[in-house]
Amino acid sequence: MTTTTCERDWYQSDAGLRTRIETHRLYSRVKEPWADWLLSLNEWRGDERVLDVGCGSGALLLPVAQRVPHGLAVGLDYSQAMVERCQAEARAQGIRLGLTRGTALALPFPAATFDVVMANHMLYHVPDIPAALAEAHRVLKPDGLFIAATNGANTMPQIDQVHQAAYARLGLPAPDDYAGHRISTRFNLDSGRAPIEAVFGQVSVVRHADAFDFPTAEPFLRYYATLATLTPDDSALAERLLAAVRDEVEAVIAERGMFTVDKPSGAFVARK
């Protein structure tokens, strides 16, 4: 299975993912849970067969399963750690799921298996996006629904700003591989329509405006530290970088009372 760096490195453990999910839950300006908003884009009958590609620890898959008590919710993830975490969460909540390890580039299901296929903030990690879209199309039933959530084209610019400013404060050039959010340029609300239309035809875009509001630097720093390529391998330099980022964020909070990070996102919705 071909993987991206993020598939190999970000998701070998669910610790960083849990921190990011918790940050979204606690510090998002919009208080409606993301899964509730995303799942509101479909009118659920309750008997659908649903595939969540890149299900992670189940943040979307578990709410899906609750909406299809007479159907089946199936999750697939490349990371065995994610699959095991999702299994544990499902057992703890008494939720029935189908789970498997696999890749979006070769879904291990027959054609026309699912009523709904969902890809939640994951297609920008896939090395061959058109191939993954073709696989999603293949496993959908006729008239099946495809929902692909992703970031806006300019998501979280304030993180990039403090990242660059912190390196400048240290007298160092900032690295170009700011993968925490620049990776989403591969598939975002602006760039993603064309490849989906090439496979599915007519596609609609639903946008979701939101932001983080951090009253102190600590929760922001916890989130920042989970972004894989932001902190250097040199532990001493990493410590200096985090201190410089703290200084940048605390300066903003002292001036404005809050450190705000804009995070526009949304979803593509398409029919087979």
Protein backbone atom coordinates (compact mmCIF):
# COMPACT_ATOMS: atom_id res chain seq x y z
CA MET A 1 0.00 0.00 0.00
CA THR A 2 1.36 3.39 -1.01
CA THR A 3 1.21 5.93 1.79
CA THR A 4 1.94 9.57 2.36
CA THR A 5 4.26 10.85 5.07
CA CYS A 6 1.24 11.83 7.14
CA GLU A 7 -0.22 8.34 6.91
CA ARG A 8 3.06 6.84 8.05
CA ASP A 9 3.97 9.33 10.77
CA TRP A 10 0.93 11.21 12.03
CA TYR A 11 -1.31 8.28 12.78
CA GLN A 12 0.91 5.56 14.18
CA SER A 13 -0.52 6.67 17.52
CA ASP A 14 -3.85 8.32 18.25
CA ALA A 15 -2.39 10.73 20.84
CA GLY A 16 -1.99 13.66 18.48
CA LEU A 17 -5.36 13.03 16.88
CA ARG A 18 -7.05 12.96 20.29
CA THR A 19 -5.42 16.29 21.17
CA ARG A 20 -6.64 17.85 17.92
CA ILE A 21 -10.18 16.51 18.36
CA GLU A 22 -10.30 17.75 21.93
CA THR A 23 -9.03 21.17 20.89
CA HIS A 24 -11.77 21.45 18.29
CA ARG A 25 -14.34 20.42 20.88
CA LEU A 26 -13.24 22.86 23.57
CA TYR A 27 -12.08 25.94 21.68
CA SER A 28 -14.17 26.11 18.51
CA ARG A 29 -16.35 29.18 18.23
CA VAL A 30 -19.15 27.10 16.71
CA LYS A 31 -20.39 24.83 19.49
CA GLU A 32 -22.32 22.36 17.33
CA PRO A 33 -20.17 19.23 17.08
CA TRP A 34 -18.52 18.85 13.69
CA ALA A 35 -19.94 15.36 13.20
CA ASP A 36 -23.49 16.63 13.79
CA TRP A 37 -23.03 19.38 11.21
CA LEU A 38 -21.50 17.05 8.62
CA LEU A 39 -24.11 14.34 9.10
CA SER A 40 -26.91 16.90 8.77
CA LEU A 41 -26.01 17.07 5.06
CA ASN A 42 -27.89 13.79 4.56
CA GLU A 43 -31.46 12.84 5.44
CA TRP A 44 -30.96 9.51 7.19
CA ARG A 45 -33.49 6.70 6.84
CA GLY A 46 -31.75 4.54 9.43
CA ASP A 47 -31.10 1.51 7.24
CA GLU A 48 -28.17 2.76 5.16
CA ARG A 49 -24.91 0.93 4.66
CA VAL A 50 -22.23 3.58 5.23
CA LEU A 51 -18.46 3.52 4.67
CA ASP A 52 -16.21 6.01 6.46
CA VAL A 53 -12.89 6.03 4.60
CA GLY A 54 -10.08 7.11 6.92
CA CYS A 55 -12.25 6.64 9.98
CA GLY A 56 -9.48 7.37 12.50
CA SER A 57 -10.57 6.79 16.07
CA GLY A 58 -14.25 6.99 15.15
CA ALA A 59 -15.11 10.67 15.71
CA LEU A 60 -17.44 10.53 12.70
CA LEU A 61 -18.05 6.79 12.40
CA LEU A 62 -19.56 6.36 15.87
CA PRO A 63 -22.20 9.09 15.33
CA VAL A 64 -22.90 7.58 11.90
CA ALA A 65 -23.57 4.19 13.50
CA GLN A 66 -26.09 5.77 15.86
CA ARG A 67 -27.99 7.14 12.85
CA VAL A 68 -28.27 3.77 11.07
CA PRO A 69 -29.63 1.38 13.72
CA HIS A 70 -31.11 -0.84 10.99
CA GLY A 71 -28.16 -0.51 8.63
CA LEU A 72 -24.40 -0.88 9.00
CA ALA A 73 -21.58 1.57 9.60
CA VAL A 74 -18.19 0.42 8.32
CA GLY A 75 -14.87 2.14 8.99
CA LEU A 76 -11.62 1.75 7.11
CA ASP A 77 -8.27 3.24 8.08
CA TYR A 78 -4.68 2.71 6.96
CA SER A 79 -3.41 2.87 10.55
CA GLN A 80 -3.82 -0.23 12.69
CA ALA A 81 -3.55 2.00 15.77
CA MET A 82 -6.58 3.96 14.59
CA VAL A 83 -8.58 0.81 13.88
CA GLU A 84 -7.83 -0.56 17.34
CA ARG A 85 -8.74 2.72 19.02
CA CYS A 86 -12.01 2.87 17.11
CA GLN A 87 -12.80 -0.71 18.09
CA ALA A 88 -12.19 0.15 21.74
CA GLU A 89 -14.42 3.23 21.58
CA ALA A 90 -17.20 1.24 19.92
CA ARG A 91 -17.03 -1.49 22.56
CA ALA A 92 -17.07 1.08 25.36
CA GLN A 93 -20.20 2.69 23.92
CA GLY A 94 -21.90 -0.58 22.95
CA ILE A 95 -21.98 0.39 19.28
CA ARG A 96 -21.88 -2.19 16.48
CA LEU A 97 -19.43 -1.41 13.68
CA GLY A 98 -17.61 -3.03 10.83
CA LEU A 99 -13.91 -2.14 10.89
CA THR A 100 -10.97 -3.00 8.70
CA ARG A 101 -7.46 -1.81 7.94
CA GLY A 102 -6.96 -0.83 4.34
CA THR A 103 -6.22 1.92 1.85
CA ALA A 104 -8.49 4.36 0.05
CA LEU A 105 -6.73 3.39 -3.19
CA ALA A 106 -8.03 -0.20 -3.12
CA LEU A 107 -11.16 -0.47 -1.01
CA PRO A 108 -11.68 -4.13 0.00
CA PHE A 109 -15.39 -4.18 -0.86
CA PRO A 110 -17.43 -5.29 -3.88
CA ALA A 111 -18.90 -2.74 -6.26
CA ALA A 112 -22.22 -1.12 -5.30
CA THR A 113 -21.98 -2.07 -1.60
CA PHE A 114 -22.75 1.22 0.18
CA ASP A 115 -25.51 3.82 0.21
CA VAL A 116 -23.15 6.48 1.57
CA VAL A 117 -19.37 6.87 1.40
CA MET A 118 -17.74 9.54 3.56
CA ALA A 119 -14.18 10.89 3.53
CA ASN A 120 -13.67 13.25 6.48
CA HIS A 121 -10.61 15.51 6.24
CA MET A 122 -8.43 12.80 4.75
CA LEU A 123 -8.27 13.02 0.95
CA TYR A 124 -5.39 15.53 1.10
CA HIS A 125 -3.32 12.74 2.65
CA VAL A 126 -3.96 10.29 -0.20
CA PRO A 127 -1.13 10.10 -2.78
CA ASP A 128 -3.51 9.50 -5.72
CA ILE A 129 -6.71 11.47 -5.11
CA PRO A 130 -8.42 10.60 -8.46
CA ALA A 131 -7.85 6.88 -7.77
CA ALA A 132 -9.37 7.21 -4.29
CA LEU A 133 -12.39 9.03 -5.73
CA ALA A 134 -12.81 6.31 -8.35
CA GLU A 135 -12.79 3.67 -5.61
CA ALA A 136 -15.40 5.57 -3.61
CA HIS A 137 -17.56 5.76 -6.74
CA ARG A 138 -17.09 2.04 -7.42
CA VAL A 139 -18.31 0.86 -4.02
CA LEU A 140 -21.35 3.18 -4.00
CA LYS A 141 -24.74 1.87 -5.02
CA PRO A 142 -26.52 3.60 -7.90
CA ASP A 143 -27.71 7.02 -6.67
CA GLY A 144 -25.42 6.60 -3.64
CA LEU A 145 -24.18 9.67 -1.78
CA PHE A 146 -20.53 10.76 -1.47
CA ILE A 147 -19.55 13.32 1.17
CA ALA A 148 -15.96 14.59 1.34
CA ALA A 149 -15.11 17.06 4.10
CA THR A 150 -12.03 19.23 3.84
CA ASN A 151 -10.47 22.55 4.79
CA GLY A 152 -10.91 25.90 3.16
CA ALA A 153 -8.12 27.03 0.87
CA ASN A 154 -6.65 29.40 3.48
CA THR A 155 -7.21 27.51 6.70
CA MET A 156 -5.57 28.56 9.97
CA PRO A 157 -3.35 31.33 8.55
CA GLN A 158 -2.56 32.55 12.07
CA ILE A 159 -0.65 29.34 12.78
CA ASP A 160 1.55 29.95 9.77
CA GLN A 161 2.07 33.54 10.92
CA VAL A 162 3.26 32.64 14.43
CA HIS A 163 5.32 29.76 13.04
CA GLN A 164 7.15 32.09 10.67
CA ALA A 165 7.48 34.79 13.34
CA ALA A 166 8.93 32.34 15.87
CA TYR A 167 11.65 31.21 13.47
CA ALA A 168 12.40 34.85 12.65
CA ARG A 169 12.63 35.60 16.38
CA LEU A 170 15.29 32.86 16.60
CA GLY A 171 17.13 34.25 13.57
CA LEU A 172 16.41 31.12 11.55
CA PRO A 173 14.70 30.57 8.18
CA ALA A 174 11.38 28.79 8.61
CA PRO A 175 11.19 25.43 6.82
CA ASP A 176 8.98 25.25 3.74
CA ASP A 177 7.29 21.96 4.63
CA TYR A 178 4.65 23.36 6.97
CA ALA A 179 2.54 20.23 6.48
CA GLY A 180 0.21 20.96 9.35
CA HIS A 181 -2.11 22.80 6.99
CA ARG A 182 -0.31 23.45 3.73
CA ILE A 183 -0.90 19.80 2.86
CA SER A 184 -4.58 20.66 2.48
CA THR A 185 -3.72 22.67 -0.64
CA ARG A 186 -3.75 19.24 -2.35
CA PHE A 187 -7.47 18.96 -1.70
CA ASN A 188 -9.50 21.86 -0.33
CA LEU A 189 -12.83 23.55 -0.95
CA ASP A 190 -11.39 25.37 -3.96
CA SER A 191 -9.16 22.70 -5.49
CA GLY A 192 -11.34 19.67 -4.75
CA ARG A 193 -14.34 20.32 -6.97
CA ALA A 194 -12.67 19.48 -10.29
CA PRO A 195 -11.41 15.98 -9.40
CA ILE A 196 -14.76 15.08 -7.81
CA GLU A 197 -16.73 16.33 -10.83
CA ALA A 198 -14.47 14.25 -13.07
CA VAL A 199 -15.76 11.13 -11.28
CA PHE A 200 -19.23 11.99 -10.01
CA GLY A 201 -20.52 14.71 -12.31
CA GLN A 202 -22.56 17.33 -10.48
CA VAL A 203 -21.14 18.34 -7.11
CA SER A 204 -22.32 20.84 -4.51
CA VAL A 205 -20.14 22.63 -1.94
CA VAL A 206 -21.35 23.42 1.58
CA ARG A 207 -19.15 25.80 3.58
CA HIS A 208 -18.70 25.92 7.34
CA ALA A 209 -17.19 29.06 8.90
CA ASP A 210 -15.53 28.60 12.26
CA ALA A 211 -12.51 29.61 14.34
CA PHE A 212 -10.55 28.65 17.42
CA ASP A 213 -10.63 31.20 20.24
CA PHE A 214 -7.75 30.56 22.64
CA PRO A 215 -7.88 32.59 25.88
CA THR A 216 -4.38 31.41 26.87
CA ALA A 217 -1.35 30.10 25.03
CA GLU A 218 -1.34 26.61 26.58
CA PRO A 219 -4.14 24.94 24.58
CA PHE A 220 -2.81 26.46 21.38
CA LEU A 221 0.67 25.12 22.08
CA ARG A 222 -0.70 21.63 22.71
CA TYR A 223 -2.44 21.76 19.32
CA TYR A 224 0.59 23.25 17.57
CA ALA A 225 2.86 20.53 18.95
CA THR A 226 0.76 17.82 17.24
CA LEU A 227 1.47 19.18 13.76
CA ALA A 228 4.05 16.74 12.54
CA THR A 229 6.53 18.88 10.63
CA LEU A 230 6.38 21.99 12.77
CA THR A 231 8.79 21.01 15.51
CA PRO A 232 12.38 20.15 14.50
CA ASP A 233 14.07 16.87 15.39
CA ASP A 234 16.63 18.77 17.47
CA SER A 235 15.05 18.72 20.95
CA ALA A 236 16.88 21.84 22.11
CA LEU A 237 15.77 23.76 19.03
CA ALA A 238 12.23 22.42 19.43
CA GLU A 239 12.14 23.78 22.98
CA ARG A 240 13.38 27.19 21.81
CA LEU A 241 10.85 27.20 18.98
CA LEU A 242 7.92 26.43 21.28
CA ALA A 243 9.07 29.18 23.64
CA ALA A 244 9.20 31.63 20.74
CA VAL A 245 5.74 30.57 19.57
CA ARG A 246 4.46 31.06 23.12
CA ASP A 247 5.87 34.59 23.13
CA GLU A 248 4.16 35.38 19.82
CA VAL A 249 0.80 34.02 20.96
CA GLU A 250 0.94 35.67 24.37
CA ALA A 251 1.71 39.01 22.72
CA VAL A 252 -1.47 38.70 20.65
CA ILE A 253 -3.51 37.71 23.71
CA ALA A 254 -2.13 40.66 25.68
CA GLU A 255 -3.19 43.01 22.88
CA ARG A 256 -6.55 41.48 21.88
CA GLY A 257 -7.60 39.32 24.83
CA MET A 258 -7.75 36.20 22.64
CA PHE A 259 -5.70 34.33 20.08
CA THR A 260 -8.05 33.53 17.21
CA VAL A 261 -7.29 30.99 14.51
CA ASP A 262 -9.67 31.01 11.55
CA LYS A 263 -10.52 27.52 10.29
CA PRO A 264 -12.89 27.64 7.33
CA SER A 265 -13.96 24.19 6.21
CA GLY A 266 -16.85 22.42 4.57
CA ALA A 267 -17.79 19.49 2.40
CA PHE A 268 -18.44 18.36 -1.14
CA VAL A 269 -21.67 16.44 -1.65
CA ALA A 270 -22.13 14.32 -4.80
CA ARG A 271 -24.42 11.60 -6.12
CA LYS A 272 -23.34 8.59 -8.14
